[in-house]
Amino acid sequence: MIGTGHGAAAAWAGNAWAGAVYDGGPGSIAEARRFSAQFLVDRHGFDPASEAVGAVQLIVSELVTNACKYAHGPCALDLERIPSGVEITVWDSSTALPLARAADPGRVGQHGLEIVLALCEGFTVQREPVGKRITVRVSCT
């Protein structure tokens, strides 16, 4: 395991998978974004300015933000390179399921899940014995 600061820990398993755990503190979101970019750029040769890297970073940012904001504790991030793209999984300790709201340009804030759903090809939520696991599939073709 390698540390990524602010009480976070990360592990690389070959090239296909990487995981990190964050304490939910103020630096967790930025660390998760960096970790996802490092996974795609350093491990898989993506152009840092590519749409795929930007989409993955934005999705990771939104999911980790929600975990930090609503679960009030640690969260885990798993990234897996799959043939069609990347699978992103975020676990947190809250049992509350995310709620996608209807698009409303007049609403201030709470558009994160709308953004995630617009960028992904697949979205699943699974309740766990403690909390929930959200998995998002992103195409990188």
N, C-alpha and C. Protein backbone atom coordinates (compact mmCIF):
# COMPACT_ATOMS: atom_id res chain seq x y z
N MET A 1 0.84 -1.19 0.00
CA MET A 1 0.00 0.00 0.00
C MET A 1 0.88 1.25 0.00
N ILE A 2 0.39 2.25 -0.65
CA ILE A 2 1.09 3.52 -0.65
C ILE A 2 0.16 4.58 -0.09
N GLY A 3 0.66 5.48 0.68
CA GLY A 3 -0.16 6.55 1.22
C GLY A 3 -0.32 7.68 0.23
N THR A 4 -1.47 8.33 0.27
CA THR A 4 -1.69 9.47 -0.60
C THR A 4 -2.00 10.72 0.20
N GLY A 5 -1.72 10.72 1.47
CA GLY A 5 -1.92 11.91 2.30
C GLY A 5 -3.28 11.95 2.96
N HIS A 6 -3.43 12.83 3.93
CA HIS A 6 -4.70 13.05 4.64
C HIS A 6 -5.32 11.75 5.13
N GLY A 7 -4.53 10.80 5.58
CA GLY A 7 -5.07 9.56 6.11
C GLY A 7 -5.55 8.60 5.04
N ALA A 8 -5.22 8.83 3.78
CA ALA A 8 -5.65 7.95 2.70
C ALA A 8 -4.62 6.85 2.48
N ALA A 9 -5.09 5.74 1.96
CA ALA A 9 -4.20 4.64 1.60
C ALA A 9 -4.62 4.16 0.22
N ALA A 10 -3.66 3.71 -0.56
CA ALA A 10 -3.96 3.26 -1.91
C ALA A 10 -3.18 2.00 -2.23
N ALA A 11 -3.70 1.21 -3.15
CA ALA A 11 -3.03 -0.02 -3.57
C ALA A 11 -3.19 -0.18 -5.07
N TRP A 12 -2.14 -0.68 -5.71
CA TRP A 12 -2.19 -1.00 -7.14
C TRP A 12 -2.07 -2.51 -7.24
N ALA A 13 -2.92 -3.12 -8.04
CA ALA A 13 -2.82 -4.56 -8.29
C ALA A 13 -2.65 -4.73 -9.80
N GLY A 14 -1.40 -4.85 -10.23
CA GLY A 14 -1.16 -4.94 -11.66
C GLY A 14 -1.60 -3.65 -12.33
N ASN A 15 -1.96 -3.74 -13.59
CA ASN A 15 -2.40 -2.55 -14.31
C ASN A 15 -3.91 -2.39 -14.33
N ALA A 16 -4.65 -3.48 -14.17
CA ALA A 16 -6.09 -3.43 -14.40
C ALA A 16 -6.87 -2.81 -13.25
N TRP A 17 -6.37 -2.85 -12.03
CA TRP A 17 -7.15 -2.41 -10.88
C TRP A 17 -6.31 -1.55 -9.94
N ALA A 18 -6.96 -0.56 -9.35
CA ALA A 18 -6.34 0.24 -8.29
C ALA A 18 -7.42 0.65 -7.32
N GLY A 19 -7.06 0.75 -6.06
CA GLY A 19 -8.04 1.15 -5.06
C GLY A 19 -7.43 2.10 -4.07
N ALA A 20 -8.26 2.96 -3.49
CA ALA A 20 -7.81 3.92 -2.49
C ALA A 20 -8.90 4.08 -1.44
N VAL A 21 -8.47 4.40 -0.24
CA VAL A 21 -9.40 4.67 0.86
C VAL A 21 -9.12 6.08 1.36
N TYR A 22 -10.20 6.83 1.57
CA TYR A 22 -10.09 8.22 2.01
C TYR A 22 -10.83 8.39 3.33
N ASP A 23 -10.32 9.31 4.15
CA ASP A 23 -10.92 9.52 5.46
C ASP A 23 -12.14 10.43 5.44
N GLY A 24 -12.47 10.98 4.30
CA GLY A 24 -13.63 11.87 4.19
C GLY A 24 -13.32 13.31 4.53
N GLY A 25 -12.04 13.60 4.77
CA GLY A 25 -11.62 14.96 5.11
C GLY A 25 -11.60 15.87 3.91
N PRO A 26 -11.21 17.12 4.14
CA PRO A 26 -11.28 18.14 3.10
C PRO A 26 -10.45 17.85 1.85
N GLY A 27 -9.39 17.10 1.96
CA GLY A 27 -8.56 16.82 0.79
C GLY A 27 -8.95 15.57 0.02
N SER A 28 -9.93 14.84 0.51
CA SER A 28 -10.28 13.55 -0.10
C SER A 28 -10.70 13.66 -1.56
N ILE A 29 -11.48 14.66 -1.89
CA ILE A 29 -12.01 14.79 -3.26
C ILE A 29 -10.88 15.06 -4.24
N ALA A 30 -10.02 16.01 -3.92
CA ALA A 30 -8.89 16.31 -4.81
C ALA A 30 -7.95 15.12 -4.94
N GLU A 31 -7.72 14.41 -3.83
CA GLU A 31 -6.86 13.23 -3.88
C GLU A 31 -7.45 12.15 -4.78
N ALA A 32 -8.76 11.95 -4.70
CA ALA A 32 -9.43 10.94 -5.53
C ALA A 32 -9.34 11.32 -7.00
N ARG A 33 -9.47 12.59 -7.31
CA ARG A 33 -9.33 13.05 -8.71
C ARG A 33 -7.91 12.78 -9.21
N ARG A 34 -6.91 13.11 -8.40
CA ARG A 34 -5.52 12.85 -8.79
C ARG A 34 -5.26 11.36 -8.98
N PHE A 35 -5.78 10.57 -8.05
CA PHE A 35 -5.59 9.12 -8.11
C PHE A 35 -6.18 8.55 -9.40
N SER A 36 -7.38 9.01 -9.78
CA SER A 36 -8.00 8.50 -11.00
C SER A 36 -7.23 8.94 -12.25
N ALA A 37 -6.73 10.16 -12.26
CA ALA A 37 -5.93 10.61 -13.40
C ALA A 37 -4.63 9.81 -13.48
N GLN A 38 -4.00 9.58 -12.36
CA GLN A 38 -2.76 8.80 -12.33
C GLN A 38 -3.02 7.38 -12.87
N PHE A 39 -4.13 6.78 -12.47
CA PHE A 39 -4.48 5.44 -12.93
C PHE A 39 -4.59 5.41 -14.46
N LEU A 40 -5.28 6.38 -15.04
CA LEU A 40 -5.49 6.38 -16.48
C LEU A 40 -4.26 6.82 -17.26
N VAL A 41 -3.59 7.86 -16.79
CA VAL A 41 -2.46 8.41 -17.53
C VAL A 41 -1.20 7.56 -17.34
N ASP A 42 -0.81 7.31 -16.10
CA ASP A 42 0.43 6.60 -15.82
C ASP A 42 0.33 5.10 -16.08
N ARG A 43 -0.80 4.50 -15.77
CA ARG A 43 -0.94 3.05 -15.90
C ARG A 43 -1.46 2.61 -17.26
N HIS A 44 -2.24 3.49 -17.92
CA HIS A 44 -2.90 3.07 -19.15
C HIS A 44 -2.63 3.96 -20.34
N GLY A 45 -1.76 4.94 -20.20
CA GLY A 45 -1.31 5.74 -21.33
C GLY A 45 -2.30 6.72 -21.92
N PHE A 46 -3.33 7.08 -21.17
CA PHE A 46 -4.29 8.06 -21.67
C PHE A 46 -3.67 9.44 -21.72
N ASP A 47 -4.08 10.23 -22.67
CA ASP A 47 -3.69 11.64 -22.75
C ASP A 47 -4.37 12.35 -21.57
N PRO A 48 -3.62 13.09 -20.76
CA PRO A 48 -4.22 13.77 -19.61
C PRO A 48 -5.34 14.74 -19.99
N ALA A 49 -5.31 15.25 -21.23
CA ALA A 49 -6.32 16.20 -21.68
C ALA A 49 -7.49 15.53 -22.40
N SER A 50 -7.53 14.20 -22.40
CA SER A 50 -8.58 13.49 -23.13
C SER A 50 -9.94 13.62 -22.44
N GLU A 51 -11.00 13.44 -23.24
CA GLU A 51 -12.35 13.46 -22.70
C GLU A 51 -12.55 12.35 -21.67
N ALA A 52 -11.94 11.19 -21.92
CA ALA A 52 -12.10 10.06 -21.01
C ALA A 52 -11.56 10.39 -19.62
N VAL A 53 -10.37 10.96 -19.56
CA VAL A 53 -9.78 11.32 -18.27
C VAL A 53 -10.64 12.38 -17.59
N GLY A 54 -11.09 13.36 -18.33
CA GLY A 54 -11.95 14.40 -17.75
C GLY A 54 -13.25 13.84 -17.22
N ALA A 55 -13.87 12.93 -17.98
CA ALA A 55 -15.13 12.33 -17.54
C ALA A 55 -14.94 11.49 -16.29
N VAL A 56 -13.89 10.67 -16.26
CA VAL A 56 -13.63 9.84 -15.08
C VAL A 56 -13.34 10.71 -13.87
N GLN A 57 -12.53 11.75 -14.03
CA GLN A 57 -12.24 12.63 -12.91
C GLN A 57 -13.50 13.33 -12.39
N LEU A 58 -14.37 13.76 -13.29
CA LEU A 58 -15.60 14.43 -12.87
C LEU A 58 -16.52 13.47 -12.14
N ILE A 59 -16.67 12.26 -12.65
CA ILE A 59 -17.51 11.26 -11.98
C ILE A 59 -16.94 10.92 -10.61
N VAL A 60 -15.65 10.67 -10.54
CA VAL A 60 -15.01 10.38 -9.25
C VAL A 60 -15.23 11.54 -8.29
N SER A 61 -15.05 12.75 -8.77
CA SER A 61 -15.23 13.93 -7.93
C SER A 61 -16.66 14.00 -7.37
N GLU A 62 -17.64 13.78 -8.22
CA GLU A 62 -19.04 13.85 -7.78
C GLU A 62 -19.37 12.74 -6.78
N LEU A 63 -18.94 11.51 -7.07
CA LEU A 63 -19.26 10.40 -6.18
C LEU A 63 -18.54 10.51 -4.83
N VAL A 64 -17.28 10.90 -4.84
CA VAL A 64 -16.54 11.05 -3.59
C VAL A 64 -17.07 12.26 -2.81
N THR A 65 -17.44 13.32 -3.51
CA THR A 65 -18.05 14.47 -2.84
C THR A 65 -19.30 14.04 -2.09
N ASN A 66 -20.18 13.28 -2.76
CA ASN A 66 -21.40 12.82 -2.10
C ASN A 66 -21.09 11.92 -0.92
N ALA A 67 -20.10 11.04 -1.06
CA ALA A 67 -19.73 10.17 0.05
C ALA A 67 -19.23 10.99 1.25
N CYS A 68 -18.39 11.98 0.99
CA CYS A 68 -17.86 12.81 2.07
C CYS A 68 -18.95 13.69 2.69
N LYS A 69 -19.83 14.20 1.87
CA LYS A 69 -20.85 15.13 2.32
C LYS A 69 -21.97 14.44 3.11
N TYR A 70 -22.40 13.27 2.65
CA TYR A 70 -23.57 12.63 3.24
C TYR A 70 -23.26 11.45 4.15
N ALA A 71 -22.12 10.78 3.94
CA ALA A 71 -21.80 9.62 4.79
C ALA A 71 -20.99 10.03 6.01
N HIS A 72 -20.33 11.18 5.96
CA HIS A 72 -19.57 11.71 7.10
C HIS A 72 -18.55 10.72 7.64
N GLY A 73 -17.78 10.14 6.77
CA GLY A 73 -16.77 9.20 7.23
C GLY A 73 -15.93 8.73 6.07
N PRO A 74 -15.28 7.61 6.26
CA PRO A 74 -14.38 7.11 5.21
C PRO A 74 -15.16 6.64 3.98
N CYS A 75 -14.45 6.63 2.87
CA CYS A 75 -15.01 6.06 1.64
C CYS A 75 -13.88 5.38 0.89
N ALA A 76 -14.26 4.47 0.02
CA ALA A 76 -13.27 3.73 -0.77
C ALA A 76 -13.57 3.93 -2.24
N LEU A 77 -12.51 3.98 -3.04
CA LEU A 77 -12.60 4.15 -4.48
C LEU A 77 -11.85 3.00 -5.15
N ASP A 78 -12.53 2.30 -6.05
CA ASP A 78 -11.89 1.27 -6.86
C ASP A 78 -12.01 1.68 -8.32
N LEU A 79 -10.94 1.51 -9.05
CA LEU A 79 -10.92 1.77 -10.49
C LEU A 79 -10.47 0.50 -11.18
N GLU A 80 -11.19 0.11 -12.22
CA GLU A 80 -10.82 -1.08 -12.96
C GLU A 80 -10.90 -0.79 -14.45
N ARG A 81 -9.81 -1.10 -15.14
CA ARG A 81 -9.79 -0.95 -16.61
C ARG A 81 -10.46 -2.18 -17.19
N ILE A 82 -11.53 -1.98 -17.91
CA ILE A 82 -12.26 -3.05 -18.56
C ILE A 82 -12.13 -2.84 -20.08
N PRO A 83 -12.43 -3.85 -20.90
CA PRO A 83 -12.22 -3.70 -22.34
C PRO A 83 -12.88 -2.47 -22.95
N SER A 84 -14.06 -2.12 -22.49
CA SER A 84 -14.77 -0.98 -23.10
C SER A 84 -14.47 0.35 -22.43
N GLY A 85 -13.76 0.35 -21.32
CA GLY A 85 -13.50 1.61 -20.63
C GLY A 85 -13.00 1.44 -19.22
N VAL A 86 -13.69 2.09 -18.29
CA VAL A 86 -13.29 2.08 -16.88
C VAL A 86 -14.53 1.85 -16.02
N GLU A 87 -14.36 1.02 -15.00
CA GLU A 87 -15.42 0.85 -14.02
C GLU A 87 -14.97 1.55 -12.74
N ILE A 88 -15.81 2.42 -12.23
CA ILE A 88 -15.53 3.22 -11.03
C ILE A 88 -16.48 2.75 -9.95
N THR A 89 -15.95 2.40 -8.79
CA THR A 89 -16.79 1.99 -7.67
C THR A 89 -16.43 2.83 -6.46
N VAL A 90 -17.45 3.41 -5.83
CA VAL A 90 -17.25 4.18 -4.59
C VAL A 90 -18.13 3.56 -3.52
N TRP A 91 -17.53 3.22 -2.40
CA TRP A 91 -18.23 2.70 -1.25
C TRP A 91 -18.24 3.76 -0.17
N ASP A 92 -19.37 3.89 0.54
CA ASP A 92 -19.41 4.73 1.74
C ASP A 92 -20.28 4.06 2.78
N SER A 93 -20.30 4.58 3.98
CA SER A 93 -20.98 3.94 5.10
C SER A 93 -22.44 4.34 5.26
N SER A 94 -22.96 5.21 4.41
CA SER A 94 -24.35 5.62 4.50
C SER A 94 -25.27 4.62 3.79
N THR A 95 -26.38 4.29 4.41
CA THR A 95 -27.33 3.39 3.78
C THR A 95 -28.31 4.13 2.88
N ALA A 96 -28.31 5.47 2.93
CA ALA A 96 -29.21 6.25 2.09
C ALA A 96 -28.82 6.11 0.63
N LEU A 97 -29.78 5.75 -0.21
CA LEU A 97 -29.52 5.59 -1.63
C LEU A 97 -29.58 6.94 -2.33
N PRO A 98 -28.75 7.11 -3.37
CA PRO A 98 -28.77 8.38 -4.10
C PRO A 98 -30.10 8.55 -4.84
N LEU A 99 -30.53 9.77 -4.97
CA LEU A 99 -31.78 10.09 -5.63
C LEU A 99 -31.51 11.00 -6.81
N ALA A 100 -31.83 10.51 -8.00
CA ALA A 100 -31.68 11.34 -9.20
C ALA A 100 -32.90 12.23 -9.32
N ARG A 101 -32.68 13.51 -9.38
CA ARG A 101 -33.77 14.47 -9.52
C ARG A 101 -33.96 14.81 -10.99
N ALA A 102 -35.14 15.27 -11.29
CA ALA A 102 -35.40 15.74 -12.66
C ALA A 102 -34.54 16.97 -12.92
N ALA A 103 -34.10 17.10 -14.15
CA ALA A 103 -33.28 18.27 -14.51
C ALA A 103 -34.06 19.55 -14.21
N ASP A 104 -33.37 20.49 -13.59
CA ASP A 104 -33.99 21.78 -13.24
C ASP A 104 -32.91 22.84 -13.29
N PRO A 105 -32.82 23.58 -14.39
CA PRO A 105 -31.78 24.60 -14.51
C PRO A 105 -31.89 25.70 -13.47
N GLY A 106 -33.04 25.84 -12.84
CA GLY A 106 -33.21 26.86 -11.81
C GLY A 106 -32.74 26.42 -10.43
N ARG A 107 -32.50 25.11 -10.26
CA ARG A 107 -32.05 24.60 -8.95
C ARG A 107 -30.57 24.91 -8.78
N VAL A 108 -30.22 25.41 -7.62
CA VAL A 108 -28.82 25.68 -7.30
C VAL A 108 -28.27 24.47 -6.56
N GLY A 109 -27.26 23.84 -7.13
CA GLY A 109 -26.63 22.68 -6.49
C GLY A 109 -27.43 21.41 -6.70
N GLN A 110 -26.89 20.33 -6.17
CA GLN A 110 -27.48 19.00 -6.21
C GLN A 110 -27.71 18.50 -7.64
N HIS A 111 -26.75 18.78 -8.52
CA HIS A 111 -26.79 18.29 -9.89
C HIS A 111 -25.78 17.17 -10.12
N GLY A 112 -25.08 16.74 -9.07
CA GLY A 112 -24.00 15.77 -9.22
C GLY A 112 -24.43 14.47 -9.85
N LEU A 113 -25.52 13.90 -9.37
CA LEU A 113 -25.97 12.63 -9.91
C LEU A 113 -26.45 12.78 -11.36
N GLU A 114 -27.04 13.90 -11.68
CA GLU A 114 -27.42 14.19 -13.08
C GLU A 114 -26.18 14.14 -13.97
N ILE A 115 -25.11 14.76 -13.51
CA ILE A 115 -23.86 14.80 -14.27
C ILE A 115 -23.31 13.39 -14.45
N VAL A 116 -23.27 12.63 -13.36
CA VAL A 116 -22.75 11.26 -13.42
C VAL A 116 -23.55 10.44 -14.42
N LEU A 117 -24.87 10.50 -14.34
CA LEU A 117 -25.72 9.70 -15.22
C LEU A 117 -25.56 10.12 -16.68
N ALA A 118 -25.31 11.39 -16.93
CA ALA A 118 -25.11 11.87 -18.30
C ALA A 118 -23.80 11.38 -18.90
N LEU A 119 -22.80 11.13 -18.06
CA LEU A 119 -21.48 10.75 -18.55
C LEU A 119 -21.24 9.24 -18.61
N CYS A 120 -22.09 8.46 -17.98
CA CYS A 120 -21.78 7.03 -17.87
C CYS A 120 -22.66 6.18 -18.78
N GLU A 121 -22.20 4.94 -18.97
CA GLU A 121 -22.96 3.95 -19.74
C GLU A 121 -23.72 3.00 -18.83
N GLY A 122 -23.31 2.91 -17.59
CA GLY A 122 -23.96 2.02 -16.64
C GLY A 122 -23.82 2.55 -15.24
N PHE A 123 -24.88 2.38 -14.44
CA PHE A 123 -24.91 2.90 -13.07
C PHE A 123 -25.68 1.91 -12.21
N THR A 124 -25.04 1.41 -11.16
CA THR A 124 -25.72 0.51 -10.24
C THR A 124 -25.41 0.93 -8.81
N VAL A 125 -26.38 0.68 -7.94
CA VAL A 125 -26.20 0.92 -6.51
C VAL A 125 -26.53 -0.39 -5.81
N GLN A 126 -25.64 -0.79 -4.91
CA GLN A 126 -25.84 -2.03 -4.18
C GLN A 126 -25.70 -1.75 -2.69
N ARG A 127 -26.71 -2.14 -1.93
CA ARG A 127 -26.60 -2.01 -0.47
C ARG A 127 -25.61 -3.06 0.02
N GLU A 128 -24.82 -2.66 0.99
CA GLU A 128 -23.83 -3.53 1.61
C GLU A 128 -24.20 -3.70 3.08
N PRO A 129 -23.59 -4.68 3.78
CA PRO A 129 -23.89 -4.81 5.21
C PRO A 129 -23.68 -3.51 5.98
N VAL A 130 -22.70 -2.75 5.53
CA VAL A 130 -22.48 -1.42 6.11
C VAL A 130 -22.40 -0.44 4.94
N GLY A 131 -23.46 0.30 4.71
CA GLY A 131 -23.43 1.33 3.68
C GLY A 131 -23.89 0.86 2.32
N LYS A 132 -23.26 1.44 1.30
CA LYS A 132 -23.63 1.13 -0.09
C LYS A 132 -22.41 1.22 -0.98
N ARG A 133 -22.57 0.64 -2.17
CA ARG A 133 -21.53 0.63 -3.18
C ARG A 133 -22.16 1.11 -4.48
N ILE A 134 -21.59 2.16 -5.06
CA ILE A 134 -22.07 2.71 -6.33
C ILE A 134 -21.03 2.37 -7.38
N THR A 135 -21.48 1.75 -8.48
CA THR A 135 -20.58 1.39 -9.56
C THR A 135 -21.04 2.05 -10.84
N VAL A 136 -20.10 2.68 -11.51
CA VAL A 136 -20.36 3.42 -12.75
C VAL A 136 -19.41 2.90 -13.82
N ARG A 137 -19.95 2.66 -15.00
CA ARG A 137 -19.14 2.22 -16.14
C ARG A 137 -19.04 3.36 -17.14
N VAL A 138 -17.80 3.68 -17.53
CA VAL A 138 -17.54 4.78 -18.46
C VAL A 138 -16.85 4.23 -19.69
N SER A 139 -17.33 4.59 -20.86
CA SER A 139 -16.71 4.17 -22.11
C SER A 139 -15.47 5.02 -22.39
N CYS A 140 -14.43 4.37 -22.86
CA CYS A 140 -13.20 5.09 -23.19
C CYS A 140 -12.76 4.76 -24.60
N THR A 141 -13.69 4.75 -25.52
CA THR A 141 -13.34 4.40 -26.90
C THR A 141 -12.91 5.62 -27.65
